[in-house]
Amino acid sequence: MSKPLIVIGHRLGKGQNVAKGIEKAGGEAYVIPGVAADMRIGDVMKEMNADLGICFCGSGGAGAITANTKFGYKATHHLRTVEAGLQAVKEGNKVLGFGFMDTEELGEKITLRFIQMQGK
């Protein structure tokens, strides 16, 4: 299996820590540049044929809901913990919407779970 491509969209233009965790776990990360990047998560995922998208904003919903509405990606939102993200991947979600959680741990664990689920 090739490295999973995971796109990161952050309302404030961040996401570098999550990207470090993704790469540490064996994935390929792409951080959408600029403010309001969360709202472009679906567009960039489609353009890059990404395996997974992780977006962040205050509520944790806008980017994931937009990606679901515009492209039909299975999405969940308003996630607040790493554990909730792991469950979302297990349930087959392709876009995960979090409140602000730009942590290396989140990127690493989500990627490892995604790789594990692909092996099943």
Protein backbone atom coordinates (compact mmCIF):
# COMPACT_ATOMS: atom_id res chain seq x y z
CA MET A 1 0.00 0.00 0.00
CA SER A 2 1.29 3.46 -0.84
CA LYS A 3 1.42 6.23 1.72
CA PRO A 4 -2.01 7.66 2.48
CA LEU A 5 -2.39 11.30 1.46
CA ILE A 6 -4.06 13.35 4.18
CA VAL A 7 -5.07 16.95 3.54
CA ILE A 8 -5.19 19.43 6.43
CA GLY A 9 -7.31 22.57 6.39
CA HIS A 10 -7.07 24.95 9.35
CA ARG A 11 -9.18 28.09 9.83
CA LEU A 12 -6.12 30.07 10.97
CA GLY A 13 -3.69 28.67 8.39
CA LYS A 14 -1.99 26.27 10.78
CA GLY A 15 -1.79 22.46 10.76
CA GLN A 16 1.98 21.94 10.71
CA ASN A 17 1.99 19.91 13.94
CA VAL A 18 -0.67 17.52 12.67
CA ALA A 19 1.35 17.20 9.44
CA LYS A 20 4.45 16.17 11.45
CA GLY A 21 2.44 13.43 13.14
CA ILE A 22 1.04 12.19 9.81
CA GLU A 23 4.52 11.94 8.33
CA LYS A 24 5.89 10.29 11.48
CA ALA A 25 3.23 7.59 11.10
CA GLY A 26 4.10 6.94 7.46
CA GLY A 27 1.56 9.15 5.70
CA GLU A 28 1.93 12.06 3.33
CA ALA A 29 0.54 15.37 4.59
CA TYR A 30 -0.56 18.41 2.63
CA VAL A 31 -1.36 21.58 4.57
CA ILE A 32 -3.66 23.92 2.65
CA PRO A 33 -2.04 27.36 2.91
CA GLY A 34 -3.82 30.44 4.19
CA VAL A 35 -6.59 31.54 6.46
CA ALA A 36 -9.98 29.78 6.08
CA ALA A 37 -8.25 26.71 4.61
CA ASP A 38 -10.81 24.51 6.37
CA MET A 39 -13.47 25.72 3.94
CA ARG A 40 -11.42 24.42 0.99
CA ILE A 41 -10.80 20.92 2.40
CA GLY A 42 -13.22 19.17 0.02
CA ASP A 43 -11.94 21.03 -3.05
CA VAL A 44 -8.32 20.17 -2.31
CA MET A 45 -9.11 16.57 -1.39
CA LYS A 46 -10.91 16.13 -4.71
CA GLU A 47 -8.14 17.85 -6.67
CA MET A 48 -5.39 15.76 -5.05
CA ASN A 49 -7.41 12.52 -4.81
CA ALA A 50 -6.67 12.45 -1.08
CA ASP A 51 -7.42 9.52 1.18
CA LEU A 52 -8.50 11.56 4.18
CA GLY A 53 -9.09 15.16 5.24
CA ILE A 54 -8.68 16.74 8.66
CA CYS A 55 -10.04 20.23 9.20
CA PHE A 56 -10.02 22.61 12.13
CA CYS A 57 -12.05 25.63 13.16
CA GLY A 58 -13.53 26.91 16.39
CA SER A 59 -16.62 24.73 16.20
CA GLY A 60 -15.05 21.91 14.21
CA GLY A 61 -17.84 21.71 11.71
CA ALA A 62 -17.77 24.15 8.81
CA GLY A 63 -15.16 22.52 6.57
CA ALA A 64 -16.38 18.96 7.12
CA ILE A 65 -20.01 19.91 6.47
CA THR A 66 -19.01 21.80 3.32
CA ALA A 67 -16.98 18.84 2.01
CA ASN A 68 -19.92 16.53 2.66
CA THR A 69 -22.45 18.83 1.02
CA LYS A 70 -20.34 19.73 -2.01
CA PHE A 71 -18.67 16.38 -2.76
CA GLY A 72 -20.57 13.78 -0.77
CA TYR A 73 -17.55 12.81 1.34
CA LYS A 74 -18.63 10.92 4.44
CA ALA A 75 -17.83 13.41 7.18
CA THR A 76 -18.18 13.92 10.88
CA HIS A 77 -17.63 17.11 12.83
CA HIS A 78 -17.44 18.79 16.20
CA LEU A 79 -14.77 16.31 17.30
CA ARG A 80 -12.84 17.30 20.41
CA THR A 81 -10.54 14.37 21.23
CA VAL A 82 -8.07 12.07 19.53
CA GLU A 83 -10.26 9.13 20.58
CA ALA A 84 -13.28 10.63 18.80
CA GLY A 85 -11.17 10.98 15.67
CA LEU A 86 -10.04 7.36 15.87
CA GLN A 87 -13.66 6.23 16.15
CA ALA A 88 -14.60 8.43 13.18
CA VAL A 89 -11.94 6.76 11.02
CA LYS A 90 -13.12 3.33 12.18
CA GLU A 91 -16.64 4.31 11.06
CA GLY A 92 -15.36 5.09 7.57
CA ASN A 93 -15.45 8.88 7.62
CA LYS A 94 -13.29 10.56 5.00
CA VAL A 95 -13.38 14.09 6.46
CA LEU A 96 -12.87 14.76 10.17
CA GLY A 97 -13.82 18.15 11.60
CA PHE A 98 -12.13 19.13 14.86
CA GLY A 99 -12.05 22.14 17.10
CA PHE A 100 -8.57 23.65 17.26
CA MET A 101 -6.26 20.67 17.97
CA ASP A 102 -3.09 21.14 15.91
CA THR A 103 -1.12 18.39 17.68
CA GLU A 104 1.39 15.87 16.43
CA GLU A 105 -0.33 13.14 18.46
CA LEU A 106 -3.59 13.67 16.56
CA GLY A 107 -1.93 13.38 13.16
CA GLU A 108 0.08 10.32 14.12
CA LYS A 109 -2.77 8.35 15.70
CA ILE A 110 -5.31 9.18 12.97
CA THR A 111 -2.83 8.07 10.30
CA LEU A 112 -1.97 4.83 12.10
CA ARG A 113 -5.68 4.02 12.49
CA PHE A 114 -6.33 4.81 8.82
CA ILE A 115 -3.47 2.54 7.71
CA GLN A 116 -4.73 -0.19 10.06
CA MET A 117 -8.26 0.07 8.63
CA GLN A 118 -6.95 -0.18 5.06
CA GLY A 119 -5.21 -3.44 5.93
CA LYS A 120 -8.49 -5.09 6.95
